[in-house]
Amino acid sequence: MITPTAYQDALSHIDAPSSFAALRQTALTKFLQAGLPDSRQEDWRYTSLRHLERMPLHAPAAMPETLPALEDYPGALLAYLDDRLVWQDTTLPATVLGVLADAIGTETPAAFGNLAGNGLVGSSLTQLNAALWREGACLRVPAGERLRQPVFLRFAAAEADAMLYPRVFINMAVGSDAILVEHFLGDPGIAYWQNPVTEIVLEAGAR
């Protein structure tokens, strides 16, 4: 059975910018106070998450020495395994497509956390993601630029009973154009939990 200690332990193992430490802890506190959504909330009236409470969920352990083969993707690719980047195959510069933790470590996008909720507002699942996301992905397309190839974000789960929190931030500047595909997958022989959050900023004329 998952306990508050499991969430606190997951938070203690996250290497993230110190400027987000207080926000992460606040978000986790908010989640622990609210708990998982249940049928008393209108959005979850017909969906039960009780099975998650019974699972022995935990933060993913160290990466395996041998990584599974990747599928072929017809475009730029960021591939994550158990919330960690394992492959970056792209001709796009890191200022356009890269790891979210690196991007906000230097310059936090103004809208980051303000769309889905930054842990102070939003659903409890959003708060949990705000507390425990790890590396994440960031796509920022400059004004008037049209990406010639699609962008793929692959989020795979391979560890049994792992709780994973993919985080994506997208900022499409004025008149920009891109195709983004988020691909979530996992080993069909294991149980795991992916709780993703994606925030998208579309400025005037962007697609």
C-alpha atoms as a PDB file:
ATOM      1  CA  MET A   1       0.000   0.000   0.000  1.00  0.00           C
ATOM      2  CA  ILE A   2       1.362   3.402  -0.924  1.00  0.00           C
ATOM      3  CA  THR A   3       1.956   5.767   2.009  1.00  0.00           C
ATOM      4  CA  PRO A   4       2.860   9.472   2.371  1.00  0.00           C
ATOM      5  CA  THR A   5       6.406   8.303   3.105  1.00  0.00           C
ATOM      6  CA  ALA A   6       6.691   6.902  -0.417  1.00  0.00           C
ATOM      7  CA  TYR A   7       5.901  10.311  -1.904  1.00  0.00           C
ATOM      8  CA  GLN A   8       8.336  12.069   0.429  1.00  0.00           C
ATOM      9  CA  ASP A   9      11.024   9.534  -0.460  1.00  0.00           C
ATOM     10  CA  ALA A  10      10.412  10.159  -4.166  1.00  0.00           C
ATOM     11  CA  LEU A  11      10.796  13.899  -3.610  1.00  0.00           C
ATOM     12  CA  SER A  12      14.062  13.441  -1.713  1.00  0.00           C
ATOM     13  CA  HIS A  13      15.616  11.675  -4.725  1.00  0.00           C
ATOM     14  CA  ILE A  14      14.874  14.426  -7.251  1.00  0.00           C
ATOM     15  CA  ASP A  15      17.859  16.474  -8.403  1.00  0.00           C
ATOM     16  CA  ALA A  16      16.257  19.739  -9.462  1.00  0.00           C
ATOM     17  CA  PRO A  17      16.948  23.480  -9.329  1.00  0.00           C
ATOM     18  CA  SER A  18      16.941  24.666  -5.707  1.00  0.00           C
ATOM     19  CA  SER A  19      14.597  27.506  -6.664  1.00  0.00           C
ATOM     20  CA  PHE A  20      11.842  24.907  -7.090  1.00  0.00           C
ATOM     21  CA  ALA A  21      12.461  23.033  -3.833  1.00  0.00           C
ATOM     22  CA  ALA A  22       9.938  25.029  -1.789  1.00  0.00           C
ATOM     23  CA  LEU A  23       7.347  24.884  -4.572  1.00  0.00           C
ATOM     24  CA  ARG A  24       7.743  21.128  -4.863  1.00  0.00           C
ATOM     25  CA  GLN A  25       7.295  20.631  -1.134  1.00  0.00           C
ATOM     26  CA  THR A  26       4.253  22.909  -1.075  1.00  0.00           C
ATOM     27  CA  ALA A  27       2.732  21.009  -3.977  1.00  0.00           C
ATOM     28  CA  LEU A  28       3.309  17.690  -2.239  1.00  0.00           C
ATOM     29  CA  THR A  29       1.792  18.979   0.989  1.00  0.00           C
ATOM     30  CA  LYS A  30      -1.288  20.120  -0.932  1.00  0.00           C
ATOM     31  CA  PHE A  31      -1.601  16.708  -2.551  1.00  0.00           C
ATOM     32  CA  LEU A  32      -1.250  14.828   0.739  1.00  0.00           C
ATOM     33  CA  GLN A  33      -3.941  17.021   2.263  1.00  0.00           C
ATOM     34  CA  ALA A  34      -6.329  16.440  -0.648  1.00  0.00           C
ATOM     35  CA  GLY A  35      -5.447  12.845  -1.525  1.00  0.00           C
ATOM     36  CA  LEU A  36      -6.306  11.129  -4.770  1.00  0.00           C
ATOM     37  CA  PRO A  37      -9.515  12.252  -6.502  1.00  0.00           C
ATOM     38  CA  ASP A  38     -12.592  10.195  -5.667  1.00  0.00           C
ATOM     39  CA  SER A  39     -16.222   9.870  -6.710  1.00  0.00           C
ATOM     40  CA  ARG A  40     -17.244  12.812  -4.536  1.00  0.00           C
ATOM     41  CA  GLN A  41     -15.645  15.071  -7.150  1.00  0.00           C
ATOM     42  CA  GLU A  42     -17.733  15.590 -10.275  1.00  0.00           C
ATOM     43  CA  ASP A  43     -14.843  15.046 -12.710  1.00  0.00           C
ATOM     44  CA  TRP A  44     -14.138  11.666 -11.081  1.00  0.00           C
ATOM     45  CA  ARG A  45     -17.701  10.609 -10.377  1.00  0.00           C
ATOM     46  CA  TYR A  46     -17.444   7.490 -12.547  1.00  0.00           C
ATOM     47  CA  THR A  47     -13.739   6.735 -12.154  1.00  0.00           C
ATOM     48  CA  SER A  48     -12.199   5.059  -9.123  1.00  0.00           C
ATOM     49  CA  LEU A  49      -8.489   5.329  -8.321  1.00  0.00           C
ATOM     50  CA  ARG A  50      -8.618   3.108  -5.245  1.00  0.00           C
ATOM     51  CA  HIS A  51      -6.435   0.516  -6.937  1.00  0.00           C
ATOM     52  CA  LEU A  52      -3.581   3.047  -6.899  1.00  0.00           C
ATOM     53  CA  GLU A  53      -3.817   3.288  -3.120  1.00  0.00           C
ATOM     54  CA  ARG A  54      -3.402  -0.478  -2.874  1.00  0.00           C
ATOM     55  CA  MET A  55      -0.359  -0.656  -5.126  1.00  0.00           C
ATOM     56  CA  PRO A  56       3.163  -0.652  -3.607  1.00  0.00           C
ATOM     57  CA  LEU A  57       4.131   2.342  -5.750  1.00  0.00           C
ATOM     58  CA  HIS A  58       7.592   3.852  -5.442  1.00  0.00           C
ATOM     59  CA  ALA A  59       9.990   6.153  -7.231  1.00  0.00           C
ATOM     60  CA  PRO A  60      11.911   4.437 -10.061  1.00  0.00           C
ATOM     61  CA  ALA A  61      15.248   2.921  -9.118  1.00  0.00           C
ATOM     62  CA  ALA A  62      18.546   3.327 -10.943  1.00  0.00           C
ATOM     63  CA  MET A  63      18.556   2.919 -14.696  1.00  0.00           C
ATOM     64  CA  PRO A  64      19.270  -0.591 -16.006  1.00  0.00           C
ATOM     65  CA  GLU A  65      22.679  -1.185 -17.552  1.00  0.00           C
ATOM     66  CA  THR A  66      21.108  -2.383 -20.799  1.00  0.00           C
ATOM     67  CA  LEU A  67      18.459  -0.176 -22.333  1.00  0.00           C
ATOM     68  CA  PRO A  68      15.725  -1.562 -24.589  1.00  0.00           C
ATOM     69  CA  ALA A  69      15.824  -0.829 -28.298  1.00  0.00           C
ATOM     70  CA  LEU A  70      13.887   2.180 -29.539  1.00  0.00           C
ATOM     71  CA  GLU A  71      11.335   2.239 -32.296  1.00  0.00           C
ATOM     72  CA  ASP A  72      12.070   4.257 -35.433  1.00  0.00           C
ATOM     73  CA  TYR A  73      10.456   7.688 -35.311  1.00  0.00           C
ATOM     74  CA  PRO A  74      10.113   9.858 -38.445  1.00  0.00           C
ATOM     75  CA  GLY A  75      11.283  13.069 -36.804  1.00  0.00           C
ATOM     76  CA  ALA A  76      13.069  14.611 -33.840  1.00  0.00           C
ATOM     77  CA  LEU A  77      12.976  12.445 -30.720  1.00  0.00           C
ATOM     78  CA  LEU A  78      13.352  12.764 -26.973  1.00  0.00           C
ATOM     79  CA  ALA A  79      13.000   9.318 -25.358  1.00  0.00           C
ATOM     80  CA  TYR A  80      12.454   8.829 -21.641  1.00  0.00           C
ATOM     81  CA  LEU A  81      12.564   5.607 -19.657  1.00  0.00           C
ATOM     82  CA  ASP A  82      11.065   5.718 -16.169  1.00  0.00           C
ATOM     83  CA  ASP A  83      11.158   9.533 -16.232  1.00  0.00           C
ATOM     84  CA  ARG A  84      14.807   9.787 -17.299  1.00  0.00           C
ATOM     85  CA  LEU A  85      16.098  10.897 -20.690  1.00  0.00           C
ATOM     86  CA  VAL A  86      17.787   7.977 -22.447  1.00  0.00           C
ATOM     87  CA  TRP A  87      17.948   9.202 -26.029  1.00  0.00           C
ATOM     88  CA  GLN A  88      18.016  12.531 -27.828  1.00  0.00           C
ATOM     89  CA  ASP A  89      18.112  12.263 -31.596  1.00  0.00           C
ATOM     90  CA  THR A  90      17.399  15.643 -33.067  1.00  0.00           C
ATOM     91  CA  THR A  91      18.788  18.264 -35.383  1.00  0.00           C
ATOM     92  CA  LEU A  92      16.941  20.929 -33.424  1.00  0.00           C
ATOM     93  CA  PRO A  93      18.992  23.101 -31.050  1.00  0.00           C
ATOM     94  CA  ALA A  94      18.508  22.665 -27.307  1.00  0.00           C
ATOM     95  CA  THR A  95      16.945  26.117 -27.157  1.00  0.00           C
ATOM     96  CA  VAL A  96      14.076  24.710 -29.244  1.00  0.00           C
ATOM     97  CA  LEU A  97      13.814  21.122 -27.974  1.00  0.00           C
ATOM     98  CA  GLY A  98      15.422  19.890 -24.806  1.00  0.00           C
ATOM     99  CA  VAL A  99      15.114  18.820 -21.182  1.00  0.00           C
ATOM    100  CA  LEU A 100      12.695  20.958 -19.194  1.00  0.00           C
ATOM    101  CA  ALA A 101      14.760  20.828 -15.997  1.00  0.00           C
ATOM    102  CA  ASP A 102      17.707  22.307 -17.896  1.00  0.00           C
ATOM    103  CA  ALA A 103      15.551  25.017 -19.470  1.00  0.00           C
ATOM    104  CA  ILE A 104      14.031  26.257 -16.226  1.00  0.00           C
ATOM    105  CA  GLY A 105      17.364  25.994 -14.494  1.00  0.00           C
ATOM    106  CA  THR A 106      18.558  28.930 -16.555  1.00  0.00           C
ATOM    107  CA  GLU A 107      15.372  30.841 -17.369  1.00  0.00           C
ATOM    108  CA  THR A 108      11.950  29.806 -16.130  1.00  0.00           C
ATOM    109  CA  PRO A 109       9.271  30.339 -18.801  1.00  0.00           C
ATOM    110  CA  ALA A 110       6.743  32.894 -17.534  1.00  0.00           C
ATOM    111  CA  ALA A 111       3.769  30.599 -18.142  1.00  0.00           C
ATOM    112  CA  PHE A 112       5.323  27.474 -16.645  1.00  0.00           C
ATOM    113  CA  GLY A 113       3.090  26.083 -13.925  1.00  0.00           C
ATOM    114  CA  ASN A 114       0.406  28.698 -14.462  1.00  0.00           C
ATOM    115  CA  LEU A 115      -1.707  26.749 -16.950  1.00  0.00           C
ATOM    116  CA  ALA A 116      -2.153  23.335 -15.363  1.00  0.00           C
ATOM    117  CA  GLY A 117      -1.566  24.597 -11.823  1.00  0.00           C
ATOM    118  CA  ASN A 118       1.720  25.086 -10.016  1.00  0.00           C
ATOM    119  CA  GLY A 119       0.912  23.132  -6.884  1.00  0.00           C
ATOM    120  CA  LEU A 120      -0.996  25.963  -5.240  1.00  0.00           C
ATOM    121  CA  VAL A 121      -3.985  25.576  -7.543  1.00  0.00           C
ATOM    122  CA  GLY A 122      -5.280  22.817  -9.786  1.00  0.00           C
ATOM    123  CA  SER A 123      -6.236  19.221  -9.139  1.00  0.00           C
ATOM    124  CA  SER A 124      -4.432  17.049  -6.616  1.00  0.00           C
ATOM    125  CA  LEU A 125      -2.961  14.966  -9.451  1.00  0.00           C
ATOM    126  CA  THR A 126      -1.531  18.140 -10.988  1.00  0.00           C
ATOM    127  CA  GLN A 127      -0.081  19.072  -7.618  1.00  0.00           C
ATOM    128  CA  LEU A 128       1.516  15.652  -7.344  1.00  0.00           C
ATOM    129  CA  ASN A 129       3.093  16.054 -10.776  1.00  0.00           C
ATOM    130  CA  ALA A 130       4.343  19.534  -9.799  1.00  0.00           C
ATOM    131  CA  ALA A 131       6.063  17.979  -6.799  1.00  0.00           C
ATOM    132  CA  LEU A 132       7.594  14.879  -8.370  1.00  0.00           C
ATOM    133  CA  TRP A 133       8.350  15.464 -12.066  1.00  0.00           C
ATOM    134  CA  ARG A 134      12.009  14.843 -12.872  1.00  0.00           C
ATOM    135  CA  GLU A 135      13.586  15.883 -16.163  1.00  0.00           C
ATOM    136  CA  GLY A 136      10.656  16.660 -18.417  1.00  0.00           C
ATOM    137  CA  ALA A 137      10.613  17.979 -21.976  1.00  0.00           C
ATOM    138  CA  CYS A 138      10.500  21.510 -23.348  1.00  0.00           C
ATOM    139  CA  LEU A 139       9.592  22.666 -26.871  1.00  0.00           C
ATOM    140  CA  ARG A 140       9.925  26.372 -27.697  1.00  0.00           C
ATOM    141  CA  VAL A 141       9.452  27.372 -31.331  1.00  0.00           C
ATOM    142  CA  PRO A 142      10.521  30.933 -32.294  1.00  0.00           C
ATOM    143  CA  ALA A 143       8.188  33.402 -33.974  1.00  0.00           C
ATOM    144  CA  GLY A 144       7.395  32.647 -37.601  1.00  0.00           C
ATOM    145  CA  GLU A 145       9.320  29.349 -37.622  1.00  0.00           C
ATOM    146  CA  ARG A 146       7.793  26.171 -39.015  1.00  0.00           C
ATOM    147  CA  LEU A 147       9.412  22.928 -37.941  1.00  0.00           C
ATOM    148  CA  ARG A 148      10.019  20.756 -40.982  1.00  0.00           C
ATOM    149  CA  GLN A 149       9.834  17.492 -39.071  1.00  0.00           C
ATOM    150  CA  PRO A 150       7.470  16.312 -36.336  1.00  0.00           C
ATOM    151  CA  VAL A 151       8.658  16.135 -32.740  1.00  0.00           C
ATOM    152  CA  PHE A 152       8.163  12.903 -30.782  1.00  0.00           C
ATOM    153  CA  LEU A 153       8.264  12.580 -26.998  1.00  0.00           C
ATOM    154  CA  ARG A 154       8.475   8.954 -25.906  1.00  0.00           C
ATOM    155  CA  PHE A 155       7.638   8.187 -22.276  1.00  0.00           C
ATOM    156  CA  ALA A 156       8.195   4.519 -21.464  1.00  0.00           C
ATOM    157  CA  ALA A 157       7.692   2.602 -18.216  1.00  0.00           C
ATOM    158  CA  ALA A 158       9.828  -0.463 -17.532  1.00  0.00           C
ATOM    159  CA  GLU A 159       9.959  -0.876 -13.753  1.00  0.00           C
ATOM    160  CA  ALA A 160       7.196  -2.645 -11.872  1.00  0.00           C
ATOM    161  CA  ASP A 161       5.143  -0.454  -9.507  1.00  0.00           C
ATOM    162  CA  ALA A 162       7.006   2.695 -10.544  1.00  0.00           C
ATOM    163  CA  MET A 163       5.173   5.998 -10.226  1.00  0.00           C
ATOM    164  CA  LEU A 164       6.135   8.339 -13.040  1.00  0.00           C
ATOM    165  CA  TYR A 165       5.406  12.022 -13.635  1.00  0.00           C
ATOM    166  CA  PRO A 166       6.191  13.141 -17.194  1.00  0.00           C
ATOM    167  CA  ARG A 167       6.129  16.930 -17.544  1.00  0.00           C
ATOM    168  CA  VAL A 168       6.018  18.820 -20.852  1.00  0.00           C
ATOM    169  CA  PHE A 169       6.079  22.561 -21.504  1.00  0.00           C
ATOM    170  CA  ILE A 170       5.415  23.911 -25.008  1.00  0.00           C
ATOM    171  CA  ASN A 171       5.662  27.544 -26.070  1.00  0.00           C
ATOM    172  CA  MET A 172       4.726  28.335 -29.653  1.00  0.00           C
ATOM    173  CA  ALA A 173       5.629  31.944 -30.478  1.00  0.00           C
ATOM    174  CA  VAL A 174       3.675  34.188 -32.849  1.00  0.00           C
ATOM    175  CA  GLY A 175       3.036  32.535 -36.215  1.00  0.00           C
ATOM    176  CA  SER A 176       5.022  29.378 -35.434  1.00  0.00           C
ATOM    177  CA  ASP A 177       4.021  25.876 -36.522  1.00  0.00           C
ATOM    178  CA  ALA A 178       4.890  22.393 -35.258  1.00  0.00           C
ATOM    179  CA  ILE A 179       3.589  18.842 -34.984  1.00  0.00           C
ATOM    180  CA  LEU A 180       4.092  17.184 -31.585  1.00  0.00           C
ATOM    181  CA  VAL A 181       3.363  13.543 -30.755  1.00  0.00           C
ATOM    182  CA  GLU A 182       3.432  12.274 -27.165  1.00  0.00           C
ATOM    183  CA  HIS A 183       3.898   8.501 -27.039  1.00  0.00           C
ATOM    184  CA  PHE A 184       3.209   6.733 -23.727  1.00  0.00           C
ATOM    185  CA  LEU A 185       4.006   3.051 -23.433  1.00  0.00           C
ATOM    186  CA  GLY A 186       5.116   0.387 -20.980  1.00  0.00           C
ATOM    187  CA  ASP A 187       5.874  -3.270 -20.449  1.00  0.00           C
ATOM    188  CA  PRO A 188       2.490  -5.056 -20.657  1.00  0.00           C
ATOM    189  CA  GLY A 189       3.612  -7.554 -18.010  1.00  0.00           C
ATOM    190  CA  ILE A 190       3.973  -5.025 -15.182  1.00  0.00           C
ATOM    191  CA  ALA A 191       1.832  -2.564 -13.277  1.00  0.00           C
ATOM    192  CA  TYR A 192       2.926   1.080 -13.163  1.00  0.00           C
ATOM    193  CA  TRP A 193       1.444   4.569 -12.965  1.00  0.00           C
ATOM    194  CA  GLN A 194       2.134   7.492 -15.304  1.00  0.00           C
ATOM    195  CA  ASN A 195       0.650  10.830 -14.179  1.00  0.00           C
ATOM    196  CA  PRO A 196       1.631  13.298 -16.948  1.00  0.00           C
ATOM    197  CA  VAL A 197       1.058  17.044 -17.243  1.00  0.00           C
ATOM    198  CA  THR A 198       1.461  19.018 -20.475  1.00  0.00           C
ATOM    199  CA  GLU A 199       1.199  22.806 -20.687  1.00  0.00           C
ATOM    200  CA  ILE A 200       0.865  24.510 -24.077  1.00  0.00           C
ATOM    201  CA  VAL A 201       1.186  28.215 -24.861  1.00  0.00           C
ATOM    202  CA  LEU A 202      -0.080  29.196 -28.317  1.00  0.00           C
ATOM    203  CA  GLU A 203       0.630  32.810 -29.206  1.00  0.00           C
ATOM    204  CA  ALA A 204      -1.209  34.643 -32.014  1.00  0.00           C
ATOM    205  CA  GLY A 205      -1.325  32.645 -35.231  1.00  0.00           C
ATOM    206  CA  ALA A 206       0.630  29.690 -33.807  1.00  0.00           C
ATOM    207  CA  ARG A 207      -0.363  26.134 -34.563  1.00  0.00           C
END
